PDB file of all heavy atoms in Angstrom:
ATOM      1  N   VAL A   1       0.859  -1.186   0.000  1.00  0.00           N
ATOM      2  CA  VAL A   1       0.000   0.000   0.000  1.00  0.00           C
ATOM      3  C   VAL A   1       0.894   1.234   0.000  1.00  0.00           C
ATOM      4  O   VAL A   1       1.868   1.308   0.754  1.00  0.00           O
ATOM      5  CB  VAL A   1      -0.938   0.029   1.222  1.00  0.00           C
ATOM      6  CG1 VAL A   1      -1.718   1.346   1.281  1.00  0.00           C
ATOM      7  CG2 VAL A   1      -1.906  -1.146   1.179  1.00  0.00           C
ATOM      8  N   TYR A   2       0.595   2.167  -0.876  1.00  0.00           N
ATOM      9  CA  TYR A   2       1.266   3.462  -0.922  1.00  0.00           C
ATOM     10  C   TYR A   2       0.341   4.473  -0.259  1.00  0.00           C
ATOM     11  O   TYR A   2      -0.843   4.581  -0.623  1.00  0.00           O
ATOM     12  CB  TYR A   2       1.546   3.864  -2.371  1.00  0.00           C
ATOM     13  CG  TYR A   2       1.899   5.327  -2.556  1.00  0.00           C
ATOM     14  CD1 TYR A   2       3.221   5.751  -2.491  1.00  0.00           C
ATOM     15  CD2 TYR A   2       0.901   6.279  -2.793  1.00  0.00           C
ATOM     16  CE1 TYR A   2       3.549   7.096  -2.674  1.00  0.00           C
ATOM     17  CE2 TYR A   2       1.216   7.619  -2.978  1.00  0.00           C
ATOM     18  CZ  TYR A   2       2.542   8.019  -2.906  1.00  0.00           C
ATOM     19  OH  TYR A   2       2.847   9.349  -3.068  1.00  0.00           O
ATOM     20  N   ILE A   3       0.849   5.208   0.730  1.00  0.00           N
ATOM     21  CA  ILE A   3       0.045   6.208   1.436  1.00  0.00           C
ATOM     22  C   ILE A   3       0.678   7.576   1.218  1.00  0.00           C
ATOM     23  O   ILE A   3       1.825   7.811   1.606  1.00  0.00           O
ATOM     24  CB  ILE A   3      -0.036   5.903   2.945  1.00  0.00           C
ATOM     25  CG1 ILE A   3      -0.631   4.505   3.183  1.00  0.00           C
ATOM     26  CG2 ILE A   3      -0.877   6.961   3.658  1.00  0.00           C
ATOM     27  CD1 ILE A   3      -0.655   4.088   4.646  1.00  0.00           C
ATOM     28  N   PHE A   4      -0.090   8.474   0.604  1.00  0.00           N
ATOM     29  CA  PHE A   4       0.383   9.844   0.406  1.00  0.00           C
ATOM     30  C   PHE A   4      -0.206  10.732   1.487  1.00  0.00           C
ATOM     31  O   PHE A   4      -1.421  10.928   1.557  1.00  0.00           O
ATOM     32  CB  PHE A   4      -0.010  10.354  -0.983  1.00  0.00           C
ATOM     33  CG  PHE A   4       0.461  11.762  -1.247  1.00  0.00           C
ATOM     34  CD1 PHE A   4       1.810  12.060  -1.254  1.00  0.00           C
ATOM     35  CD2 PHE A   4      -0.441  12.786  -1.484  1.00  0.00           C
ATOM     36  CE1 PHE A   4       2.256  13.349  -1.481  1.00  0.00           C
ATOM     37  CE2 PHE A   4      -0.005  14.079  -1.726  1.00  0.00           C
ATOM     38  CZ  PHE A   4       1.351  14.359  -1.721  1.00  0.00           C
ATOM     39  N   ARG A   5       0.641  11.192   2.381  1.00  0.00           N
ATOM     40  CA  ARG A   5       0.311  12.107   3.475  1.00  0.00           C
ATOM     41  C   ARG A   5      -0.438  11.447   4.628  1.00  0.00           C
ATOM     42  O   ARG A   5      -0.063  11.594   5.772  1.00  0.00           O
ATOM     43  CB  ARG A   5      -0.491  13.313   2.985  1.00  0.00           C
ATOM     44  CG  ARG A   5       0.307  14.248   2.095  1.00  0.00           C
ATOM     45  CD  ARG A   5      -0.520  15.463   1.788  1.00  0.00           C
ATOM     46  NE  ARG A   5       0.271  16.490   1.126  1.00  0.00           N
ATOM     47  CZ  ARG A   5       0.123  17.773   1.330  1.00  0.00           C
ATOM     48  NH1 ARG A   5      -0.778  18.203   2.176  1.00  0.00           N
ATOM     49  NH2 ARG A   5       0.871  18.653   0.688  1.00  0.00           N
ATOM     50  N   GLU A   6      -1.540  10.753   4.347  1.00  0.00           N
ATOM     51  CA  GLU A   6      -2.319  10.112   5.395  1.00  0.00           C
ATOM     52  C   GLU A   6      -3.339   9.188   4.748  1.00  0.00           C
ATOM     53  O   GLU A   6      -3.764   9.403   3.622  1.00  0.00           O
ATOM     54  CB  GLU A   6      -3.036  11.163   6.252  1.00  0.00           C
ATOM     55  CG  GLU A   6      -3.854  12.151   5.443  1.00  0.00           C
ATOM     56  CD  GLU A   6      -4.100  13.451   6.184  1.00  0.00           C
ATOM     57  OE1 GLU A   6      -4.046  13.453   7.420  1.00  0.00           O
ATOM     58  OE2 GLU A   6      -4.350  14.465   5.519  1.00  0.00           O
ATOM     59  N   GLY A   7      -3.713   8.157   5.489  1.00  0.00           N
ATOM     60  CA  GLY A   7      -4.690   7.225   4.938  1.00  0.00           C
ATOM     61  C   GLY A   7      -6.074   7.821   4.850  1.00  0.00           C
ATOM     62  O   GLY A   7      -6.854   7.489   3.975  1.00  0.00           O
ATOM     63  N   ALA A   8      -6.413   8.691   5.820  1.00  0.00           N
ATOM     64  CA  ALA A   8      -7.699   9.373   5.842  1.00  0.00           C
ATOM     65  C   ALA A   8      -7.458  10.820   6.246  1.00  0.00           C
ATOM     66  O   ALA A   8      -6.664  11.098   7.146  1.00  0.00           O
ATOM     67  CB  ALA A   8      -8.651   8.692   6.828  1.00  0.00           C
ATOM     68  N   LEU A   9      -8.171  11.750   5.604  1.00  0.00           N
ATOM     69  CA  LEU A   9      -7.918  13.165   5.846  1.00  0.00           C
ATOM     70  C   LEU A   9      -8.231  13.585   7.275  1.00  0.00           C
ATOM     71  O   LEU A   9      -7.585  14.460   7.826  1.00  0.00           O
ATOM     72  CB  LEU A   9      -8.753  14.012   4.884  1.00  0.00           C
ATOM     73  CG  LEU A   9      -8.241  14.106   3.447  1.00  0.00           C
ATOM     74  CD1 LEU A   9      -9.219  14.891   2.588  1.00  0.00           C
ATOM     75  CD2 LEU A   9      -6.877  14.765   3.408  1.00  0.00           C
ATOM     76  N   LEU A  10      -9.258  12.991   7.873  1.00  0.00           N
ATOM     77  CA  LEU A  10      -9.676  13.386   9.203  1.00  0.00           C
ATOM     78  C   LEU A  10      -9.678  12.183  10.139  1.00  0.00           C
ATOM     79  O   LEU A  10      -9.735  11.034   9.709  1.00  0.00           O
ATOM     80  CB  LEU A  10     -11.073  14.014   9.165  1.00  0.00           C
ATOM     81  CG  LEU A  10     -11.218  15.260   8.278  1.00  0.00           C
ATOM     82  CD1 LEU A  10     -12.665  15.712   8.235  1.00  0.00           C
ATOM     83  CD2 LEU A  10     -10.335  16.384   8.776  1.00  0.00           C
ATOM     84  N   GLY A  11      -9.620  12.485  11.440  1.00  0.00           N
ATOM     85  CA  GLY A  11      -9.692  11.439  12.447  1.00  0.00           C
ATOM     86  C   GLY A  11      -8.340  10.829  12.773  1.00  0.00           C
ATOM     87  O   GLY A  11      -7.332  11.109  12.111  1.00  0.00           O
ATOM     88  N   PRO A  12      -8.292  10.007  13.811  1.00  0.00           N
ATOM     89  CA  PRO A  12      -7.038   9.343  14.187  1.00  0.00           C
ATOM     90  C   PRO A  12      -6.674   8.256  13.186  1.00  0.00           C
ATOM     91  O   PRO A  12      -7.395   8.017  12.203  1.00  0.00           O
ATOM     92  CB  PRO A  12      -7.367   8.751  15.569  1.00  0.00           C
ATOM     93  CG  PRO A  12      -8.856   8.555  15.542  1.00  0.00           C
ATOM     94  CD  PRO A  12      -9.412   9.665  14.702  1.00  0.00           C
ATOM     95  N   ALA A  13      -5.583   7.556  13.457  1.00  0.00           N
ATOM     96  CA  ALA A  13      -5.053   6.550  12.518  1.00  0.00           C
ATOM     97  C   ALA A  13      -5.828   5.240  12.639  1.00  0.00           C
ATOM     98  O   ALA A  13      -5.272   4.190  12.974  1.00  0.00           O
ATOM     99  CB  ALA A  13      -3.571   6.330  12.784  1.00  0.00           C
ATOM    100  N   LEU A  14      -7.129   5.266  12.335  1.00  0.00           N
ATOM    101  CA  LEU A  14      -7.963   4.062  12.468  1.00  0.00           C
ATOM    102  C   LEU A  14      -7.705   3.087  11.319  1.00  0.00           C
ATOM    103  O   LEU A  14      -7.385   1.916  11.537  1.00  0.00           O
ATOM    104  CB  LEU A  14      -9.438   4.467  12.502  1.00  0.00           C
ATOM    105  CG  LEU A  14      -9.854   5.371  13.668  1.00  0.00           C
ATOM    106  CD1 LEU A  14     -11.314   5.770  13.532  1.00  0.00           C
ATOM    107  CD2 LEU A  14      -9.620   4.655  14.997  1.00  0.00           C
ATOM    108  N   ALA A  15      -7.872   3.554  10.089  1.00  0.00           N
ATOM    109  CA  ALA A  15      -7.647   2.676   8.936  1.00  0.00           C
ATOM    110  C   ALA A  15      -6.206   2.201   8.895  1.00  0.00           C
ATOM    111  O   ALA A  15      -5.921   1.047   8.538  1.00  0.00           O
ATOM    112  CB  ALA A  15      -8.015   3.395   7.644  1.00  0.00           C
ATOM    113  N   GLU A  16      -5.282   3.079   9.267  1.00  0.00           N
ATOM    114  CA  GLU A  16      -3.864   2.717   9.247  1.00  0.00           C
ATOM    115  C   GLU A  16      -3.559   1.614  10.271  1.00  0.00           C
ATOM    116  O   GLU A  16      -2.744   0.725  10.022  1.00  0.00           O
ATOM    117  CB  GLU A  16      -3.026   3.959   9.543  1.00  0.00           C
ATOM    118  CG  GLU A  16      -3.165   5.059   8.482  1.00  0.00           C
ATOM    119  CD  GLU A  16      -4.260   6.065   8.771  1.00  0.00           C
ATOM    120  OE1 GLU A  16      -5.221   5.711   9.505  1.00  0.00           O
ATOM    121  OE2 GLU A  16      -4.179   7.184   8.267  1.00  0.00           O
ATOM    122  N   ARG A  17      -4.221   1.668  11.427  1.00  0.00           N
ATOM    123  CA  ARG A  17      -4.018   0.619  12.435  1.00  0.00           C
ATOM    124  C   ARG A  17      -4.591  -0.725  11.964  1.00  0.00           C
ATOM    125  O   ARG A  17      -4.020  -1.779  12.224  1.00  0.00           O
ATOM    126  CB  ARG A  17      -4.639   1.039  13.762  1.00  0.00           C
ATOM    127  CG  ARG A  17      -3.885   2.188  14.427  1.00  0.00           C
ATOM    128  CD  ARG A  17      -4.473   2.576  15.771  1.00  0.00           C
ATOM    129  NE  ARG A  17      -3.786   3.736  16.315  1.00  0.00           N
ATOM    130  CZ  ARG A  17      -2.639   3.700  16.983  1.00  0.00           C
ATOM    131  NH1 ARG A  17      -2.065   2.515  17.213  1.00  0.00           N
ATOM    132  NH2 ARG A  17      -2.071   4.793  17.430  1.00  0.00           N
ATOM    133  N   ILE A  18      -5.727  -0.657  11.269  1.00  0.00           N
ATOM    134  CA  ILE A  18      -6.285  -1.891  10.702  1.00  0.00           C
ATOM    135  C   ILE A  18      -5.318  -2.479   9.681  1.00  0.00           C
ATOM    136  O   ILE A  18      -5.080  -3.692   9.645  1.00  0.00           O
ATOM    137  CB  ILE A  18      -7.665  -1.607  10.061  1.00  0.00           C
ATOM    138  CG1 ILE A  18      -8.684  -1.235  11.140  1.00  0.00           C
ATOM    139  CG2 ILE A  18      -8.148  -2.813   9.257  1.00  0.00           C
ATOM    140  CD1 ILE A  18     -10.010  -0.761  10.579  1.00  0.00           C
ATOM    141  N   LEU A  19      -4.749  -1.609   8.862  1.00  0.00           N
ATOM    142  CA  LEU A  19      -3.773  -2.053   7.861  1.00  0.00           C
ATOM    143  C   LEU A  19      -2.593  -2.751   8.528  1.00  0.00           C
ATOM    144  O   LEU A  19      -2.130  -3.802   8.075  1.00  0.00           O
ATOM    145  CB  LEU A  19      -3.295  -0.835   7.075  1.00  0.00           C
ATOM    146  CG  LEU A  19      -2.685  -1.069   5.697  1.00  0.00           C
ATOM    147  CD1 LEU A  19      -3.714  -1.624   4.731  1.00  0.00           C
ATOM    148  CD2 LEU A  19      -2.131   0.255   5.157  1.00  0.00           C
ATOM    149  N   ARG A  20      -2.144  -2.202   9.632  1.00  0.00           N
ATOM    150  CA  ARG A  20      -1.010  -2.806  10.341  1.00  0.00           C
ATOM    151  C   ARG A  20      -1.403  -4.165  10.927  1.00  0.00           C
ATOM    152  O   ARG A  20      -0.637  -5.135  10.845  1.00  0.00           O
ATOM    153  CB  ARG A  20      -0.530  -1.857  11.443  1.00  0.00           C
ATOM    154  CG  ARG A  20       0.691  -2.413  12.184  1.00  0.00           C
ATOM    155  CD  ARG A  20       1.289  -1.373  13.098  1.00  0.00           C
ATOM    156  NE  ARG A  20       2.432  -1.942  13.793  1.00  0.00           N
ATOM    157  CZ  ARG A  20       2.498  -2.162  15.103  1.00  0.00           C
ATOM    158  NH1 ARG A  20       1.477  -1.824  15.873  1.00  0.00           N
ATOM    159  NH2 ARG A  20       3.568  -2.681  15.657  1.00  0.00           N
ATOM    160  N   ARG A  21      -2.588  -4.252  11.514  1.00  0.00           N
ATOM    161  CA  ARG A  21      -3.036  -5.530  12.081  1.00  0.00           C
ATOM    162  C   ARG A  21      -3.192  -6.589  10.994  1.00  0.00           C
ATOM    163  O   ARG A  21      -2.972  -7.778  11.233  1.00  0.00           O
ATOM    164  CB  ARG A  21      -4.362  -5.349  12.818  1.00  0.00           C
ATOM    165  CG  ARG A  21      -4.239  -4.600  14.140  1.00  0.00           C
ATOM    166  CD  ARG A  21      -5.541  -4.636  14.901  1.00  0.00           C
ATOM    167  NE  ARG A  21      -5.917  -6.013  15.254  1.00  0.00           N
ATOM    168  CZ  ARG A  21      -7.070  -6.350  15.809  1.00  0.00           C
ATOM    169  NH1 ARG A  21      -7.988  -5.414  16.054  1.00  0.00           N
ATOM    170  NH2 ARG A  21      -7.337  -7.603  16.108  1.00  0.00           N
ATOM    171  N   ALA A  22      -3.557  -6.148   9.783  1.00  0.00           N
ATOM    172  CA  ALA A  22      -3.704  -7.096   8.667  1.00  0.00           C
ATOM    173  C   ALA A  22      -2.355  -7.529   8.119  1.00  0.00           C
ATOM    174  O   ALA A  22      -2.286  -8.421   7.271  1.00  0.00           O
ATOM    175  CB  ALA A  22      -4.547  -6.457   7.564  1.00  0.00           C
ATOM    176  N   GLY A  23      -1.285  -6.889   8.573  1.00  0.00           N
ATOM    177  CA  GLY A  23       0.058  -7.287   8.148  1.00  0.00           C
ATOM    178  C   GLY A  23       0.433  -6.837   6.747  1.00  0.00           C
ATOM    179  O   GLY A  23       1.305  -7.440   6.120  1.00  0.00           O
ATOM    180  N   VAL A  24      -0.213  -5.774   6.258  1.00  0.00           N
ATOM    181  CA  VAL A  24       0.061  -5.288   4.904  1.00  0.00           C
ATOM    182  C   VAL A  24       1.165  -4.226   4.976  1.00  0.00           C
ATOM    183  O   VAL A  24       1.027  -3.238   5.698  1.00  0.00           O
ATOM    184  CB  VAL A  24      -1.207  -4.690   4.262  1.00  0.00           C
ATOM    185  CG1 VAL A  24      -0.906  -4.211   2.845  1.00  0.00           C
ATOM    186  CG2 VAL A  24      -2.331  -5.721   4.267  1.00  0.00           C
ATOM    187  N   PRO A  25       2.269  -4.382   4.252  1.00  0.00           N
ATOM    188  CA  PRO A  25       3.336  -3.368   4.281  1.00  0.00           C
ATOM    189  C   PRO A  25       2.918  -2.106   3.537  1.00  0.00           C
ATOM    190  O   PRO A  25       2.138  -2.161   2.585  1.00  0.00           O
ATOM    191  CB  PRO A  25       4.498  -4.057   3.572  1.00  0.00           C
ATOM    192  CG  PRO A  25       3.842  -5.027   2.640  1.00  0.00           C
ATOM    193  CD  PRO A  25       2.599  -5.510   3.341  1.00  0.00           C
ATOM    194  N   TRP A  26       3.446  -0.977   3.992  1.00  0.00           N
ATOM    195  CA  TRP A  26       3.147   0.264   3.273  1.00  0.00           C
ATOM    196  C   TRP A  26       4.388   1.128   3.127  1.00  0.00           C
ATOM    197  O   TRP A  26       5.336   1.037   3.899  1.00  0.00           O
ATOM    198  CB  TRP A  26       2.011   1.044   3.925  1.00  0.00           C
ATOM    199  CG  TRP A  26       2.264   1.711   5.246  1.00  0.00           C
ATOM    200  CD1 TRP A  26       3.005   2.823   5.489  1.00  0.00           C
ATOM    201  CD2 TRP A  26       1.718   1.323   6.517  1.00  0.00           C
ATOM    202  NE1 TRP A  26       2.958   3.161   6.816  1.00  0.00           N
ATOM    203  CE2 TRP A  26       2.174   2.262   7.470  1.00  0.00           C
ATOM    204  CE3 TRP A  26       0.874   0.292   6.930  1.00  0.00           C
ATOM    205  CZ2 TRP A  26       1.833   2.188   8.818  1.00  0.00           C
ATOM    206  CZ3 TRP A  26       0.528   0.210   8.272  1.00  0.00           C
ATOM    207  CH2 TRP A  26       1.001   1.145   9.204  1.00  0.00           C
ATOM    208  N   VAL A  27       4.334   1.968   2.070  1.00  0.00           N
ATOM    209  CA  VAL A  27       5.288   3.052   1.853  1.00  0.00           C
ATOM    210  C   VAL A  27       4.565   4.341   2.176  1.00  0.00           C
ATOM    211  O   VAL A  27       3.456   4.578   1.692  1.00  0.00           O
ATOM    212  CB  VAL A  27       5.790   3.083   0.395  1.00  0.00           C
ATOM    213  CG1 VAL A  27       6.550   4.381   0.107  1.00  0.00           C
ATOM    214  CG2 VAL A  27       6.672   1.888   0.110  1.00  0.00           C
ATOM    215  N   PHE A  28       5.179   5.171   3.009  1.00  0.00           N
ATOM    216  CA  PHE A  28       4.588   6.459   3.353  1.00  0.00           C
ATOM    217  C   PHE A  28       5.348   7.562   2.632  1.00  0.00           C
ATOM    218  O   PHE A  28       6.576   7.608   2.654  1.00  0.00           O
ATOM    219  CB  PHE A  28       4.641   6.694   4.861  1.00  0.00           C
ATOM    220  CG  PHE A  28       4.060   8.014   5.275  1.00  0.00           C
ATOM    221  CD1 PHE A  28       2.726   8.301   5.069  1.00  0.00           C
ATOM    222  CD2 PHE A  28       4.851   8.985   5.877  1.00  0.00           C
ATOM    223  CE1 PHE A  28       2.179   9.523   5.429  1.00  0.00           C
ATOM    224  CE2 PHE A  28       4.321  10.217   6.252  1.00  0.00           C
ATOM    225  CZ  PHE A  28       2.980  10.477   6.031  1.00  0.00           C
ATOM    226  N   ASP A  29       4.609   8.461   1.964  1.00  0.00           N
ATOM    227  CA  ASP A  29       5.201   9.542   1.171  1.00  0.00           C
ATOM    228  C   ASP A  29       4.601  10.861   1.624  1.00  0.00           C
ATOM    229  O   ASP A  29       3.375  10.986   1.743  1.00  0.00           O
ATOM    230  CB  ASP A  29       4.902   9.296  -0.318  1.00  0.00           C
ATOM    231  CG  ASP A  29       5.475  10.372  -1.226  1.00  0.00           C
ATOM    232  OD1 ASP A  29       6.404  11.089  -0.800  1.00  0.00           O
ATOM    233  OD2 ASP A  29       4.992  10.490  -2.370  1.00  0.00           O
ATOM    234  N   PHE A  30       5.432  11.865   1.902  1.00  0.00           N
ATOM    235  CA  PHE A  30       4.899  13.167   2.279  1.00  0.00           C
ATOM    236  C   PHE A  30       5.773  14.294   1.750  1.00  0.00           C
ATOM    237  O   PHE A  30       6.987  14.160   1.623  1.00  0.00           O
ATOM    238  CB  PHE A  30       4.678  13.270   3.788  1.00  0.00           C
ATOM    239  CG  PHE A  30       5.916  13.258   4.661  1.00  0.00           C
ATOM    240  CD1 PHE A  30       6.066  14.179   5.683  1.00  0.00           C
ATOM    241  CD2 PHE A  30       6.911  12.284   4.518  1.00  0.00           C
ATOM    242  CE1 PHE A  30       7.177  14.170   6.520  1.00  0.00           C
ATOM    243  CE2 PHE A  30       8.015  12.256   5.341  1.00  0.00           C
ATOM    244  CZ  PHE A  30       8.154  13.222   6.349  1.00  0.00           C
ATOM    245  N   ASP A  31       5.103  15.408   1.405  1.00  0.00           N
ATOM    246  CA  ASP A  31       5.776  16.549   0.778  1.00  0.00           C
ATOM    247  C   ASP A  31       5.495  17.850   1.505  1.00  0.00           C
ATOM    248  O   ASP A  31       5.728  18.927   0.974  1.00  0.00           O
ATOM    249  CB  ASP A  31       5.344  16.661  -0.692  1.00  0.00           C
ATOM    250  CG  ASP A  31       3.875  17.013  -0.839  1.00  0.00           C
ATOM    251  OD1 ASP A  31       3.104  16.796   0.126  1.00  0.00           O
ATOM    252  OD2 ASP A  31       3.480  17.512  -1.904  1.00  0.00           O
ATOM    253  N   ASP A  32       4.972  17.759   2.716  1.00  0.00           N
ATOM    254  CA  ASP A  32       4.701  18.922   3.556  1.00  0.00           C
ATOM    255  C   ASP A  32       4.941  18.531   5.008  1.00  0.00           C
ATOM    256  O   ASP A  32       4.986  17.336   5.334  1.00  0.00           O
ATOM    257  CB  ASP A  32       3.248  19.404   3.404  1.00  0.00           C
ATOM    258  CG  ASP A  32       3.084  20.500   2.363  1.00  0.00           C
ATOM    259  OD1 ASP A  32       3.964  21.385   2.285  1.00  0.00           O
ATOM    260  OD2 ASP A  32       2.080  20.465   1.628  1.00  0.00           O
ATOM    261  N   ALA A  33       5.032  19.530   5.877  1.00  0.00           N
ATOM    262  CA  ALA A  33       5.199  19.259   7.309  1.00  0.00           C
ATOM    263  C   ALA A  33       3.843  18.887   7.896  1.00  0.00           C
ATOM    264  O   ALA A  33       3.252  19.618   8.698  1.00  0.00           O
ATOM    265  CB  ALA A  33       5.783  20.484   8.000  1.00  0.00           C
ATOM    266  N   VAL A  34       3.345  17.710   7.519  1.00  0.00           N
ATOM    267  CA  VAL A  34       1.976  17.315   7.861  1.00  0.00           C
ATOM    268  C   VAL A  34       1.800  16.981   9.334  1.00  0.00           C
ATOM    269  O   VAL A  34       0.679  16.706   9.770  1.00  0.00           O
ATOM    270  CB  VAL A  34       1.501  16.145   6.973  1.00  0.00           C
ATOM    271  CG1 VAL A  34       1.268  16.610   5.553  1.00  0.00           C
ATOM    272  CG2 VAL A  34       2.498  14.992   6.991  1.00  0.00           C
ATOM    273  N   TRP A  35       2.889  16.986  10.117  1.00  0.00           N
ATOM    274  CA  TRP A  35       2.745  16.816  11.558  1.00  0.00           C
ATOM    275  C   TRP A  35       2.342  18.125  12.241  1.00  0.00           C
ATOM    276  O   TRP A  35       2.049  18.153  13.429  1.00  0.00           O
ATOM    277  CB  TRP A  35       4.050  16.296  12.154  1.00  0.00           C
ATOM    278  CG  TRP A  35       5.198  17.260  12.070  1.00  0.00           C
ATOM    279  CD1 TRP A  35       5.533  18.236  12.969  1.00  0.00           C
ATOM    280  CD2 TRP A  35       6.159  17.359  11.017  1.00  0.00           C
ATOM    281  NE1 TRP A  35       6.642  18.930  12.552  1.00  0.00           N
ATOM    282  CE2 TRP A  35       7.053  18.411  11.351  1.00  0.00           C
ATOM    283  CE3 TRP A  35       6.378  16.652   9.832  1.00  0.00           C
ATOM    284  CZ2 TRP A  35       8.128  18.772  10.536  1.00  0.00           C
ATOM    285  CZ3 TRP A  35       7.443  17.020   9.015  1.00  0.00           C
ATOM    286  CH2 TRP A  35       8.299  18.066   9.376  1.00  0.00           C
ATOM    287  N   VAL A  36       2.330  19.227  11.482  1.00  0.00           N
ATOM    288  CA  VAL A  36       1.927  20.527  12.002  1.00  0.00           C
ATOM    289  C   VAL A  36       0.450  20.738  11.687  1.00  0.00           C
ATOM    290  O   VAL A  36       0.010  20.474  10.566  1.00  0.00           O
ATOM    291  CB  VAL A  36       2.766  21.656  11.358  1.00  0.00           C
ATOM    292  CG1 VAL A  36       2.317  23.026  11.856  1.00  0.00           C
ATOM    293  CG2 VAL A  36       4.241  21.441  11.632  1.00  0.00           C
ATOM    294  N   ARG A  37      -0.324  21.211  12.659  1.00  0.00           N
ATOM    295  CA  ARG A  37      -1.740  21.454  12.404  1.00  0.00           C
ATOM    296  C   ARG A  37      -1.907  22.641  11.462  1.00  0.00           C
ATOM    297  O   ARG A  37      -1.419  23.733  11.728  1.00  0.00           O
ATOM    298  CB  ARG A  37      -2.493  21.728  13.706  1.00  0.00           C
ATOM    299  CG  ARG A  37      -4.022  21.780  13.500  1.00  0.00           C
ATOM    300  CD  ARG A  37      -4.744  22.036  14.805  1.00  0.00           C
ATOM    301  NE  ARG A  37      -4.527  20.984  15.774  1.00  0.00           N
ATOM    302  CZ  ARG A  37      -5.151  19.812  15.772  1.00  0.00           C
ATOM    303  NH1 ARG A  37      -6.041  19.557  14.830  1.00  0.00           N
ATOM    304  NH2 ARG A  37      -4.901  18.914  16.685  1.00  0.00           N
ATOM    305  N   TYR A  38      -2.588  22.417  10.343  1.00  0.00           N
ATOM    306  CA  TYR A  38      -2.832  23.465   9.354  1.00  0.00           C
ATOM    307  C   TYR A  38      -4.324  23.811   9.369  1.00  0.00           C
ATOM    308  O   TYR A  38      -5.179  22.915   9.328  1.00  0.00           O
ATOM    309  CB  TYR A  38      -2.431  22.986   7.959  1.00  0.00           C
ATOM    310  CG  TYR A  38      -2.814  23.953   6.853  1.00  0.00           C
ATOM    311  CD1 TYR A  38      -2.100  25.137   6.670  1.00  0.00           C
ATOM    312  CD2 TYR A  38      -3.898  23.701   6.023  1.00  0.00           C
ATOM    313  CE1 TYR A  38      -2.450  26.029   5.677  1.00  0.00           C
ATOM    314  CE2 TYR A  38      -4.259  24.590   5.026  1.00  0.00           C
ATOM    315  CZ  TYR A  38      -3.528  25.756   4.863  1.00  0.00           C
ATOM    316  OH  TYR A  38      -3.890  26.640   3.882  1.00  0.00           O
ATOM    317  N   VAL A  39      -4.647  25.102   9.447  1.00  0.00           N
ATOM    318  CA  VAL A  39      -6.033  25.553   9.512  1.00  0.00           C
ATOM    319  C   VAL A  39      -6.481  26.000   8.132  1.00  0.00           C
ATOM    320  O   VAL A  39      -5.940  26.949   7.566  1.00  0.00           O
ATOM    321  CB  VAL A  39      -6.203  26.699  10.525  1.00  0.00           C
ATOM    322  CG1 VAL A  39      -7.650  27.173  10.553  1.00  0.00           C
ATOM    323  CG2 VAL A  39      -5.761  26.243  11.913  1.00  0.00           C
ATOM    324  N   SER A  40      -7.462  25.295   7.571  1.00  0.00           N
ATOM    325  CA  SER A  40      -7.974  25.626   6.241  1.00  0.00           C
ATOM    326  C   SER A  40      -8.822  26.888   6.292  1.00  0.00           C
ATOM    327  O   SER A  40      -9.660  27.040   7.192  1.00  0.00           O
ATOM    328  CB  SER A  40      -8.822  24.456   5.714  1.00  0.00           C
ATOM    329  OG  SER A  40      -9.609  24.863   4.616  1.00  0.00           O
ATOM    330  N   PRO A  41      -8.659  27.812   5.330  1.00  0.00           N
ATOM    331  CA  PRO A  41      -9.490  29.017   5.314  1.00  0.00           C
ATOM    332  C   PRO A  41     -10.976  28.713   5.131  1.00  0.00           C
ATOM    333  O   PRO A  41     -11.822  29.436   5.632  1.00  0.00           O
ATOM    334  CB  PRO A  41      -8.950  29.804   4.102  1.00  0.00           C
ATOM    335  CG  PRO A  41      -7.579  29.270   3.872  1.00  0.00           C
ATOM    336  CD  PRO A  41      -7.628  27.827   4.274  1.00  0.00           C
ATOM    337  N   ALA A  42     -11.302  27.630   4.422  1.00  0.00           N
ATOM    338  CA  ALA A  42     -12.706  27.319   4.144  1.00  0.00           C
ATOM    339  C   ALA A  42     -13.348  26.483   5.240  1.00  0.00           C
ATOM    340  O   ALA A  42     -14.552  26.541   5.448  1.00  0.00           O
ATOM    341  CB  ALA A  42     -12.828  26.589   2.798  1.00  0.00           C
ATOM    342  N   ASN A  43     -12.549  25.667   5.953  1.00  0.00           N
ATOM    343  CA  ASN A  43     -13.104  24.735   6.928  1.00  0.00           C
ATOM    344  C   ASN A  43     -12.243  24.706   8.190  1.00  0.00           C
ATOM    345  O   ASN A  43     -11.678  23.681   8.548  1.00  0.00           O
ATOM    346  CB  ASN A  43     -13.182  23.322   6.333  1.00  0.00           C
ATOM    347  CG  ASN A  43     -14.033  23.257   5.077  1.00  0.00           C
ATOM    348  OD1 ASN A  43     -15.246  23.358   5.135  1.00  0.00           O
ATOM    349  ND2 ASN A  43     -13.379  23.102   3.937  1.00  0.00           N
ATOM    350  N   SER A  44     -12.169  25.850   8.881  1.00  0.00           N
ATOM    351  CA  SER A  44     -11.289  25.929  10.040  1.00  0.00           C
ATOM    352  C   SER A  44     -11.703  24.945  11.129  1.00  0.00           C
ATOM    353  O   SER A  44     -10.860  24.387  11.831  1.00  0.00           O
ATOM    354  CB  SER A  44     -11.280  27.355  10.595  1.00  0.00           C
ATOM    355  OG  SER A  44     -12.590  27.764  10.947  1.00  0.00           O
TER     356      SER A  44
END
């Protein structure tokens, strides 16, 4: 599984934890400091 930035845009790592329990390997790819909380102008 290739994951770009996050498995799901909102919420905790629920799907990602299921993926780990299923034993499926993944590559994680990110191009921004996504560990920083970003406030969207349209949906703060």
